[in-house]
Amino acid sequence: MSARKNVQSGFQQDSDVYITYEDQQKINKFARQNAKMDDLKEELKIKQNELKNLEDASDEIVLLDEDAKIPYHIGEVFIYEDLEKTQVYLLVIVYSLIVLLR
């Protein structure tokens, strides 16, 4: 009776599974591409979050006075610039991220 169940299910417990070299190469290629896709999805999330933060910052800068010095972070230092230069800087970064995300 148990032999009949194994035949019906298509699985034999004592059988060895043989994978050809070509099949193993396809499995490995799929695994690499799947890992790369996961990495790219994570990078996309990070870039989208960065874009959202920059757009929010750009919206906040619009509310400031014309003569205000605005600090922004580059590397390990803060640089103080006037409103117009900071807006141009943010627009360049936002547009470069938009191009990168497309």
PDB file of N, CA and C in Angstrom:
ATOM      1  N   MET A   1       0.819  -1.191   0.000  1.00  0.00           N
ATOM      2  CA  MET A   1       0.000   0.000   0.000  1.00  0.00           C
ATOM      3  C   MET A   1       0.861   1.252   0.000  1.00  0.00           C
ATOM      4  N   SER A   2       1.967   1.249   0.775  1.00  0.00           N
ATOM      5  CA  SER A   2       2.807   2.435   0.825  1.00  0.00           C
ATOM      6  C   SER A   2       3.534   2.656  -0.498  1.00  0.00           C
ATOM      7  N   ALA A   3       3.872   1.590  -1.200  1.00  0.00           N
ATOM      8  CA  ALA A   3       4.520   1.728  -2.500  1.00  0.00           C
ATOM      9  C   ALA A   3       3.576   2.388  -3.488  1.00  0.00           C
ATOM     10  N   ARG A   4       2.292   2.087  -3.349  1.00  0.00           N
ATOM     11  CA  ARG A   4       1.316   2.675  -4.246  1.00  0.00           C
ATOM     12  C   ARG A   4       1.189   4.173  -4.007  1.00  0.00           C
ATOM     13  N   LYS A   5       1.250   4.620  -2.757  1.00  0.00           N
ATOM     14  CA  LYS A   5       1.174   6.044  -2.445  1.00  0.00           C
ATOM     15  C   LYS A   5       2.360   6.785  -3.035  1.00  0.00           C
ATOM     16  N   ASN A   6       3.550   6.176  -2.966  1.00  0.00           N
ATOM     17  CA  ASN A   6       4.738   6.821  -3.523  1.00  0.00           C
ATOM     18  C   ASN A   6       4.649   6.947  -5.036  1.00  0.00           C
ATOM     19  N   VAL A   7       4.098   5.973  -5.684  1.00  0.00           N
ATOM     20  CA  VAL A   7       3.955   6.014  -7.129  1.00  0.00           C
ATOM     21  C   VAL A   7       2.949   7.087  -7.518  1.00  0.00           C
ATOM     22  N   GLN A   8       1.859   7.188  -6.776  1.00  0.00           N
ATOM     23  CA  GLN A   8       0.850   8.183  -7.096  1.00  0.00           C
ATOM     24  C   GLN A   8       1.361   9.591  -6.874  1.00  0.00           C
ATOM     25  N   SER A   9       2.135   9.805  -5.835  1.00  0.00           N
ATOM     26  CA  SER A   9       2.630  11.157  -5.563  1.00  0.00           C
ATOM     27  C   SER A   9       3.806  11.522  -6.458  1.00  0.00           C
ATOM     28  N   GLY A  10       4.436  10.529  -7.079  1.00  0.00           N
ATOM     29  CA  GLY A  10       5.541  10.805  -7.976  1.00  0.00           C
ATOM     30  C   GLY A  10       6.867  10.977  -7.261  1.00  0.00           C
ATOM     31  N   PHE A  11       6.929  10.627  -5.991  1.00  0.00           N
ATOM     32  CA  PHE A  11       8.154  10.805  -5.217  1.00  0.00           C
ATOM     33  C   PHE A  11       8.540   9.486  -4.585  1.00  0.00           C
ATOM     34  N   GLN A  12       9.787   9.107  -4.769  1.00  0.00           N
ATOM     35  CA  GLN A  12      10.295   7.899  -4.131  1.00  0.00           C
ATOM     36  C   GLN A  12      11.356   8.321  -3.128  1.00  0.00           C
ATOM     37  N   GLN A  13      11.203   7.880  -1.911  1.00  0.00           N
ATOM     38  CA  GLN A  13      12.073   8.338  -0.836  1.00  0.00           C
ATOM     39  C   GLN A  13      13.517   7.902  -1.011  1.00  0.00           C
ATOM     40  N   ASP A  14      13.770   6.764  -1.562  1.00  0.00           N
ATOM     41  CA  ASP A  14      15.120   6.231  -1.653  1.00  0.00           C
ATOM     42  C   ASP A  14      15.833   6.615  -2.940  1.00  0.00           C
ATOM     43  N   SER A  15      15.221   7.387  -3.788  1.00  0.00           N
ATOM     44  CA  SER A  15      15.831   7.700  -5.077  1.00  0.00           C
ATOM     45  C   SER A  15      16.847   8.821  -4.933  1.00  0.00           C
ATOM     46  N   ASP A  16      17.925   8.765  -5.697  1.00  0.00           N
ATOM     47  CA  ASP A  16      18.921   9.824  -5.755  1.00  0.00           C
ATOM     48  C   ASP A  16      18.521  10.814  -6.839  1.00  0.00           C
ATOM     49  N   VAL A  17      18.723  12.082  -6.538  1.00  0.00           N
ATOM     50  CA  VAL A  17      18.399  13.118  -7.503  1.00  0.00           C
ATOM     51  C   VAL A  17      19.662  13.440  -8.277  1.00  0.00           C
ATOM     52  N   TYR A  18      19.577  13.387  -9.587  1.00  0.00           N
ATOM     53  CA  TYR A  18      20.724  13.689 -10.429  1.00  0.00           C
ATOM     54  C   TYR A  18      20.457  15.016 -11.132  1.00  0.00           C
ATOM     55  N   ILE A  19      21.386  15.947 -10.976  1.00  0.00           N
ATOM     56  CA  ILE A  19      21.289  17.252 -11.632  1.00  0.00           C
ATOM     57  C   ILE A  19      22.457  17.367 -12.588  1.00  0.00           C
ATOM     58  N   THR A  20      22.156  17.664 -13.830  1.00  0.00           N
ATOM     59  CA  THR A  20      23.223  17.802 -14.812  1.00  0.00           C
ATOM     60  C   THR A  20      23.998  19.095 -14.570  1.00  0.00           C
ATOM     61  N   TYR A  21      25.172  19.169 -15.150  1.00  0.00           N
ATOM     62  CA  TYR A  21      26.014  20.359 -15.017  1.00  0.00           C
ATOM     63  C   TYR A  21      25.291  21.581 -15.591  1.00  0.00           C
ATOM     64  N   GLU A  22      24.623  21.414 -16.708  1.00  0.00           N
ATOM     65  CA  GLU A  22      23.900  22.526 -17.326  1.00  0.00           C
ATOM     66  C   GLU A  22      22.759  23.001 -16.430  1.00  0.00           C
ATOM     67  N   ASP A  23      22.042  22.051 -15.827  1.00  0.00           N
ATOM     68  CA  ASP A  23      20.961  22.430 -14.915  1.00  0.00           C
ATOM     69  C   ASP A  23      21.501  23.192 -13.709  1.00  0.00           C
ATOM     70  N   GLN A  24      22.631  22.726 -13.170  1.00  0.00           N
ATOM     71  CA  GLN A  24      23.227  23.413 -12.020  1.00  0.00           C
ATOM     72  C   GLN A  24      23.675  24.818 -12.411  1.00  0.00           C
ATOM     73  N   GLN A  25      24.186  24.983 -13.619  1.00  0.00           N
ATOM     74  CA  GLN A  25      24.580  26.310 -14.090  1.00  0.00           C
ATOM     75  C   GLN A  25      23.363  27.224 -14.200  1.00  0.00           C
ATOM     76  N   LYS A  26      22.245  26.696 -14.668  1.00  0.00           N
ATOM     77  CA  LYS A  26      21.013  27.486 -14.759  1.00  0.00           C
ATOM     78  C   LYS A  26      20.512  27.873 -13.370  1.00  0.00           C
ATOM     79  N   ILE A  27      20.585  26.943 -12.424  1.00  0.00           N
ATOM     80  CA  ILE A  27      20.173  27.235 -11.053  1.00  0.00           C
ATOM     81  C   ILE A  27      21.049  28.328 -10.457  1.00  0.00           C
ATOM     82  N   ASN A  28      22.352  28.220 -10.665  1.00  0.00           N
ATOM     83  CA  ASN A  28      23.285  29.231 -10.148  1.00  0.00           C
ATOM     84  C   ASN A  28      23.041  30.595 -10.785  1.00  0.00           C
ATOM     85  N   LYS A  29      22.789  30.602 -12.093  1.00  0.00           N
ATOM     86  CA  LYS A  29      22.518  31.864 -12.782  1.00  0.00           C
ATOM     87  C   LYS A  29      21.247  32.504 -12.240  1.00  0.00           C
ATOM     88  N   PHE A  30      20.222  31.703 -12.033  1.00  0.00           N
ATOM     89  CA  PHE A  30      18.972  32.217 -11.469  1.00  0.00           C
ATOM     90  C   PHE A  30      19.204  32.787 -10.072  1.00  0.00           C
ATOM     91  N   ALA A  31      19.961  32.085  -9.260  1.00  0.00           N
ATOM     92  CA  ALA A  31      20.224  32.554  -7.900  1.00  0.00           C
ATOM     93  C   ALA A  31      20.980  33.876  -7.914  1.00  0.00           C
ATOM     94  N   ARG A  32      21.961  34.012  -8.797  1.00  0.00           N
ATOM     95  CA  ARG A  32      22.715  35.274  -8.897  1.00  0.00           C
ATOM     96  C   ARG A  32      21.814  36.413  -9.357  1.00  0.00           C
ATOM     97  N   GLN A  33      20.999  36.146 -10.372  1.00  0.00           N
ATOM     98  CA  GLN A  33      20.109  37.187 -10.878  1.00  0.00           C
ATOM     99  C   GLN A  33      19.045  37.559  -9.854  1.00  0.00           C
ATOM    100  N   ASN A  34      18.568  36.591  -9.103  1.00  0.00           N
ATOM    101  CA  ASN A  34      17.578  36.868  -8.077  1.00  0.00           C
ATOM    102  C   ASN A  34      18.195  37.718  -6.949  1.00  0.00           C
ATOM    103  N   ALA A  35      19.425  37.402  -6.559  1.00  0.00           N
ATOM    104  CA  ALA A  35      20.110  38.194  -5.532  1.00  0.00           C
ATOM    105  C   ALA A  35      20.362  39.615  -6.033  1.00  0.00           C
ATOM    106  N   LYS A  36      20.740  39.743  -7.303  1.00  0.00           N
ATOM    107  CA  LYS A  36      20.968  41.063  -7.885  1.00  0.00           C
ATOM    108  C   LYS A  36      19.668  41.862  -7.925  1.00  0.00           C
ATOM    109  N   MET A  37      18.559  41.203  -8.249  1.00  0.00           N
ATOM    110  CA  MET A  37      17.269  41.880  -8.281  1.00  0.00           C
ATOM    111  C   MET A  37      16.894  42.382  -6.886  1.00  0.00           C
ATOM    112  N   ASP A  38      17.138  41.574  -5.872  1.00  0.00           N
ATOM    113  CA  ASP A  38      16.856  42.001  -4.499  1.00  0.00           C
ATOM    114  C   ASP A  38      17.706  43.205  -4.113  1.00  0.00           C
ATOM    115  N   ASP A  39      18.975  43.186  -4.500  1.00  0.00           N
ATOM    116  CA  ASP A  39      19.860  44.326  -4.220  1.00  0.00           C
ATOM    117  C   ASP A  39      19.371  45.589  -4.923  1.00  0.00           C
ATOM    118  N   LEU A  40      18.952  45.437  -6.171  1.00  0.00           N
ATOM    119  CA  LEU A  40      18.466  46.587  -6.933  1.00  0.00           C
ATOM    120  C   LEU A  40      17.160  47.129  -6.357  1.00  0.00           C
ATOM    121  N   LYS A  41      16.297  46.246  -5.882  1.00  0.00           N
ATOM    122  CA  LYS A  41      15.056  46.708  -5.250  1.00  0.00           C
ATOM    123  C   LYS A  41      15.362  47.519  -4.002  1.00  0.00           C
ATOM    124  N   GLU A  42      16.325  47.053  -3.210  1.00  0.00           N
ATOM    125  CA  GLU A  42      16.708  47.779  -1.991  1.00  0.00           C
ATOM    126  C   GLU A  42      17.324  49.127  -2.347  1.00  0.00           C
ATOM    127  N   GLU A  43      18.174  49.150  -3.362  1.00  0.00           N
ATOM    128  CA  GLU A  43      18.787  50.406  -3.803  1.00  0.00           C
ATOM    129  C   GLU A  43      17.721  51.373  -4.321  1.00  0.00           C
ATOM    130  N   LEU A  44      16.725  50.847  -5.017  1.00  0.00           N
ATOM    131  CA  LEU A  44      15.631  51.679  -5.520  1.00  0.00           C
ATOM    132  C   LEU A  44      14.861  52.310  -4.363  1.00  0.00           C
ATOM    133  N   LYS A  45      14.582  51.535  -3.326  1.00  0.00           N
ATOM    134  CA  LYS A  45      13.893  52.075  -2.154  1.00  0.00           C
ATOM    135  C   LYS A  45      14.696  53.205  -1.523  1.00  0.00           C
ATOM    136  N   ILE A  46      16.003  53.014  -1.408  1.00  0.00           N
ATOM    137  CA  ILE A  46      16.870  54.028  -0.804  1.00  0.00           C
ATOM    138  C   ILE A  46      16.859  55.300  -1.645  1.00  0.00           C
ATOM    139  N   LYS A  47      16.980  55.157  -2.966  1.00  0.00           N
ATOM    140  CA  LYS A  47      16.986  56.317  -3.855  1.00  0.00           C
ATOM    141  C   LYS A  47      15.643  57.036  -3.843  1.00  0.00           C
ATOM    142  N   GLN A  48      14.548  56.296  -3.792  1.00  0.00           N
ATOM    143  CA  GLN A  48      13.231  56.926  -3.734  1.00  0.00           C
ATOM    144  C   GLN A  48      13.048  57.697  -2.434  1.00  0.00           C
ATOM    145  N   ASN A  49      13.545  57.141  -1.338  1.00  0.00           N
ATOM    146  CA  ASN A  49      13.468  57.830  -0.053  1.00  0.00           C
ATOM    147  C   ASN A  49      14.328  59.091  -0.071  1.00  0.00           C
ATOM    148  N   GLU A  50      15.505  58.990  -0.662  1.00  0.00           N
ATOM    149  CA  GLU A  50      16.387  60.154  -0.777  1.00  0.00           C
ATOM    150  C   GLU A  50      15.731  61.242  -1.627  1.00  0.00           C
ATOM    151  N   LEU A  51      15.093  60.852  -2.721  1.00  0.00           N
ATOM    152  CA  LEU A  51      14.397  61.803  -3.583  1.00  0.00           C
ATOM    153  C   LEU A  51      13.267  62.491  -2.827  1.00  0.00           C
ATOM    154  N   LYS A  52      12.502  61.728  -2.066  1.00  0.00           N
ATOM    155  CA  LYS A  52      11.413  62.303  -1.280  1.00  0.00           C
ATOM    156  C   LYS A  52      11.955  63.309  -0.263  1.00  0.00           C
ATOM    157  N   ASN A  53      13.049  62.963   0.413  1.00  0.00           N
ATOM    158  CA  ASN A  53      13.657  63.870   1.390  1.00  0.00           C
ATOM    159  C   ASN A  53      14.136  65.162   0.731  1.00  0.00           C
ATOM    160  N   LEU A  54      14.736  65.053  -0.445  1.00  0.00           N
ATOM    161  CA  LEU A  54      15.215  66.239  -1.147  1.00  0.00           C
ATOM    162  C   LEU A  54      14.056  67.122  -1.609  1.00  0.00           C
ATOM    163  N   GLU A  55      12.985  66.498  -2.079  1.00  0.00           N
ATOM    164  CA  GLU A  55      11.818  67.281  -2.483  1.00  0.00           C
ATOM    165  C   GLU A  55      11.197  67.989  -1.281  1.00  0.00           C
ATOM    166  N   ASP A  56      11.147  67.300  -0.141  1.00  0.00           N
ATOM    167  CA  ASP A  56      10.634  67.931   1.079  1.00  0.00           C
ATOM    168  C   ASP A  56      11.515  69.110   1.494  1.00  0.00           C
ATOM    169  N   ALA A  57      12.822  68.923   1.402  1.00  0.00           N
ATOM    170  CA  ALA A  57      13.745  70.006   1.750  1.00  0.00           C
ATOM    171  C   ALA A  57      13.571  71.188   0.812  1.00  0.00           C
ATOM    172  N   SER A  58      13.384  70.903  -0.461  1.00  0.00           N
ATOM    173  CA  SER A  58      13.170  71.967  -1.436  1.00  0.00           C
ATOM    174  C   SER A  58      11.889  72.737  -1.132  1.00  0.00           C
ATOM    175  N   ASP A  59      10.852  72.029  -0.731  1.00  0.00           N
ATOM    176  CA  ASP A  59       9.591  72.693  -0.368  1.00  0.00           C
ATOM    177  C   ASP A  59       9.766  73.564   0.875  1.00  0.00           C
ATOM    178  N   GLU A  60      10.535  73.106   1.828  1.00  0.00           N
ATOM    179  CA  GLU A  60      10.766  73.877   3.052  1.00  0.00           C
ATOM    180  C   GLU A  60      11.595  75.127   2.784  1.00  0.00           C
ATOM    181  N   ILE A  61      12.534  75.043   1.863  1.00  0.00           N
ATOM    182  CA  ILE A  61      13.401  76.183   1.556  1.00  0.00           C
ATOM    183  C   ILE A  61      12.595  77.327   0.944  1.00  0.00           C
ATOM    184  N   VAL A  62      11.572  76.996   0.207  1.00  0.00           N
ATOM    185  CA  VAL A  62      10.739  78.020  -0.422  1.00  0.00           C
ATOM    186  C   VAL A  62      10.135  78.939   0.647  1.00  0.00           C
ATOM    187  N   LEU A  63       9.889  78.424   1.828  1.00  0.00           N
ATOM    188  CA  LEU A  63       9.250  79.195   2.889  1.00  0.00           C
ATOM    189  C   LEU A  63      10.212  80.141   3.620  1.00  0.00           C
ATOM    190  N   LEU A  64      11.511  80.021   3.362  1.00  0.00           N
ATOM    191  CA  LEU A  64      12.498  80.834   4.072  1.00  0.00           C
ATOM    192  C   LEU A  64      12.646  82.220   3.452  1.00  0.00           C
ATOM    193  N   ASP A  65      13.269  83.131   4.219  1.00  0.00           N
ATOM    194  CA  ASP A  65      13.543  84.482   3.731  1.00  0.00           C
ATOM    195  C   ASP A  65      14.630  84.450   2.661  1.00  0.00           C
ATOM    196  N   GLU A  66      14.634  85.471   1.811  1.00  0.00           N
ATOM    197  CA  GLU A  66      15.618  85.555   0.733  1.00  0.00           C
ATOM    198  C   GLU A  66      17.045  85.684   1.247  1.00  0.00           C
ATOM    199  N   ASP A  67      17.246  86.367   2.373  1.00  0.00           N
ATOM    200  CA  ASP A  67      18.603  86.615   2.855  1.00  0.00           C
ATOM    201  C   ASP A  67      19.077  85.559   3.861  1.00  0.00           C
ATOM    202  N   ALA A  68      18.325  84.497   4.061  1.00  0.00           N
ATOM    203  CA  ALA A  68      18.705  83.460   5.029  1.00  0.00           C
ATOM    204  C   ALA A  68      19.844  82.614   4.473  1.00  0.00           C
ATOM    205  N   LYS A  69      20.791  82.286   5.343  1.00  0.00           N
ATOM    206  CA  LYS A  69      21.860  81.357   4.981  1.00  0.00           C
ATOM    207  C   LYS A  69      21.398  79.957   5.359  1.00  0.00           C
ATOM    208  N   ILE A  70      21.453  79.078   4.399  1.00  0.00           N
ATOM    209  CA  ILE A  70      20.923  77.730   4.590  1.00  0.00           C
ATOM    210  C   ILE A  70      22.082  76.744   4.710  1.00  0.00           C
ATOM    211  N   PRO A  71      22.125  75.986   5.811  1.00  0.00           N
ATOM    212  CA  PRO A  71      23.175  74.963   5.932  1.00  0.00           C
ATOM    213  C   PRO A  71      22.752  73.676   5.216  1.00  0.00           C
ATOM    214  N   TYR A  72      23.674  73.111   4.464  1.00  0.00           N
ATOM    215  CA  TYR A  72      23.415  71.780   3.942  1.00  0.00           C
ATOM    216  C   TYR A  72      24.678  70.957   4.097  1.00  0.00           C
ATOM    217  N   HIS A  73      24.468  69.680   4.211  1.00  0.00           N
ATOM    218  CA  HIS A  73      25.514  68.742   4.604  1.00  0.00           C
ATOM    219  C   HIS A  73      26.161  68.136   3.369  1.00  0.00           C
ATOM    220  N   ILE A  74      27.475  68.296   3.274  1.00  0.00           N
ATOM    221  CA  ILE A  74      28.243  67.659   2.201  1.00  0.00           C
ATOM    222  C   ILE A  74      29.415  66.945   2.866  1.00  0.00           C
ATOM    223  N   GLY A  75      29.459  65.649   2.732  1.00  0.00           N
ATOM    224  CA  GLY A  75      30.525  64.880   3.368  1.00  0.00           C
ATOM    225  C   GLY A  75      30.429  64.962   4.872  1.00  0.00           C
ATOM    226  N   GLU A  76      31.438  65.583   5.492  1.00  0.00           N
ATOM    227  CA  GLU A  76      31.465  65.692   6.944  1.00  0.00           C
ATOM    228  C   GLU A  76      31.252  67.119   7.431  1.00  0.00           C
ATOM    229  N   VAL A  77      30.953  68.040   6.525  1.00  0.00           N
ATOM    230  CA  VAL A  77      30.825  69.444   6.918  1.00  0.00           C
ATOM    231  C   VAL A  77      29.477  70.006   6.464  1.00  0.00           C
ATOM    232  N   PHE A  78      29.095  71.091   7.114  1.00  0.00           N
ATOM    233  CA  PHE A  78      27.927  71.852   6.696  1.00  0.00           C
ATOM    234  C   PHE A  78      28.396  73.089   5.959  1.00  0.00           C
ATOM    235  N   ILE A  79      27.778  73.367   4.844  1.00  0.00           N
ATOM    236  CA  ILE A  79      28.103  74.546   4.059  1.00  0.00           C
ATOM    237  C   ILE A  79      26.897  75.471   4.102  1.00  0.00           C
ATOM    238  N   TYR A  80      27.140  76.749   4.365  1.00  0.00           N
ATOM    239  CA  TYR A  80      26.065  77.745   4.411  1.00  0.00           C
ATOM    240  C   TYR A  80      26.056  78.510   3.104  1.00  0.00           C
ATOM    241  N   GLU A  81      24.930  78.474   2.432  1.00  0.00           N
ATOM    242  CA  GLU A  81      24.764  79.180   1.164  1.00  0.00           C
ATOM    243  C   GLU A  81      23.486  79.999   1.217  1.00  0.00           C
ATOM    244  N   ASP A  82      23.392  80.916   0.267  1.00  0.00           N
ATOM    245  CA  ASP A  82      22.156  81.698   0.200  1.00  0.00           C
ATOM    246  C   ASP A  82      21.041  80.865  -0.435  1.00  0.00           C
ATOM    247  N   LEU A  83      19.854  81.395  -0.413  1.00  0.00           N
ATOM    248  CA  LEU A  83      18.659  80.664  -0.832  1.00  0.00           C
ATOM    249  C   LEU A  83      18.744  80.215  -2.286  1.00  0.00           C
ATOM    250  N   GLU A  84      19.136  81.103  -3.169  1.00  0.00           N
ATOM    251  CA  GLU A  84      19.142  80.790  -4.597  1.00  0.00           C
ATOM    252  C   GLU A  84      20.133  79.675  -4.931  1.00  0.00           C
ATOM    253  N   LYS A  85      21.345  79.753  -4.412  1.00  0.00           N
ATOM    254  CA  LYS A  85      22.347  78.717  -4.691  1.00  0.00           C
ATOM    255  C   LYS A  85      21.922  77.367  -4.123  1.00  0.00           C
ATOM    256  N   THR A  86      21.304  77.388  -2.961  1.00  0.00           N
ATOM    257  CA  THR A  86      20.850  76.137  -2.355  1.00  0.00           C
ATOM    258  C   THR A  86      19.724  75.523  -3.165  1.00  0.00           C
ATOM    259  N   GLN A  87      18.807  76.344  -3.671  1.00  0.00           N
ATOM    260  CA  GLN A  87      17.726  75.822  -4.499  1.00  0.00           C
ATOM    261  C   GLN A  87      18.265  75.210  -5.793  1.00  0.00           C
ATOM    262  N   VAL A  88      19.237  75.873  -6.390  1.00  0.00           N
ATOM    263  CA  VAL A  88      19.843  75.334  -7.617  1.00  0.00           C
ATOM    264  C   VAL A  88      20.529  74.002  -7.318  1.00  0.00           C
ATOM    265  N   TYR A  89      21.252  73.951  -6.215  1.00  0.00           N
ATOM    266  CA  TYR A  89      21.946  72.728  -5.815  1.00  0.00           C
ATOM    267  C   TYR A  89      20.942  71.589  -5.608  1.00  0.00           C
ATOM    268  N   LEU A  90      19.852  71.861  -4.912  1.00  0.00           N
ATOM    269  CA  LEU A  90      18.835  70.834  -4.679  1.00  0.00           C
ATOM    270  C   LEU A  90      18.173  70.391  -5.975  1.00  0.00           C
ATOM    271  N   LEU A  91      17.889  71.339  -6.867  1.00  0.00           N
ATOM    272  CA  LEU A  91      17.270  70.973  -8.147  1.00  0.00           C
ATOM    273  C   LEU A  91      18.172  70.064  -8.973  1.00  0.00           C
ATOM    274  N   VAL A  92      19.459  70.353  -8.973  1.00  0.00           N
ATOM    275  CA  VAL A  92      20.398  69.512  -9.715  1.00  0.00           C
ATOM    276  C   VAL A  92      20.394  68.093  -9.154  1.00  0.00           C
ATOM    277  N   ILE A  93      20.420  67.976  -7.841  1.00  0.00           N
ATOM    278  CA  ILE A  93      20.424  66.653  -7.219  1.00  0.00           C
ATOM    279  C   ILE A  93      19.105  65.923  -7.476  1.00  0.00           C
ATOM    280  N   VAL A  94      17.996  66.626  -7.350  1.00  0.00           N
ATOM    281  CA  VAL A  94      16.682  66.001  -7.575  1.00  0.00           C
ATOM    282  C   VAL A  94      16.565  65.525  -9.009  1.00  0.00           C
ATOM    283  N   TYR A  95      16.954  66.344  -9.972  1.00  0.00           N
ATOM    284  CA  TYR A  95      16.856  65.939 -11.378  1.00  0.00           C
ATOM    285  C   TYR A  95      17.790  64.773 -11.695  1.00  0.00           C
ATOM    286  N   SER A  96      18.977  64.768 -11.087  1.00  0.00           N
ATOM    287  CA  SER A  96      19.889  63.646 -11.336  1.00  0.00           C
ATOM    288  C   SER A  96      19.315  62.346 -10.757  1.00  0.00           C
ATOM    289  N   LEU A  97      18.646  62.428  -9.599  1.00  0.00           N
ATOM    290  CA  LEU A  97      18.018  61.238  -9.046  1.00  0.00           C
ATOM    291  C   LEU A  97      16.840  60.785  -9.899  1.00  0.00           C
ATOM    292  N   ILE A  98      16.066  61.724 -10.409  1.00  0.00           N
ATOM    293  CA  ILE A  98      14.930  61.362 -11.268  1.00  0.00           C
ATOM    294  C   ILE A  98      15.429  60.655 -12.522  1.00  0.00           C
ATOM    295  N   VAL A  99      16.486  61.174 -13.118  1.00  0.00           N
ATOM    296  CA  VAL A  99      17.062  60.523 -14.313  1.00  0.00           C
ATOM    297  C   VAL A  99      17.583  59.143 -13.969  1.00  0.00           C
ATOM    298  N   LEU A 100      18.221  59.024 -12.811  1.00  0.00           N
ATOM    299  CA  LEU A 100      18.768  57.743 -12.385  1.00  0.00           C
ATOM    300  C   LEU A 100      17.667  56.713 -12.138  1.00  0.00           C
ATOM    301  N   LEU A 101      16.545  57.148 -11.621  1.00  0.00           N
ATOM    302  CA  LEU A 101      15.456  56.230 -11.297  1.00  0.00           C
ATOM    303  C   LEU A 101      14.655  55.797 -12.520  1.00  0.00           C
ATOM    304  N   ARG A 102      14.781  56.472 -13.621  1.00  0.00           N
ATOM    305  CA  ARG A 102      14.026  56.093 -14.829  1.00  0.00           C
ATOM    306  C   ARG A 102      14.695  55.029 -15.584  1.00  0.00           C
TER     307      ARG A 102
END
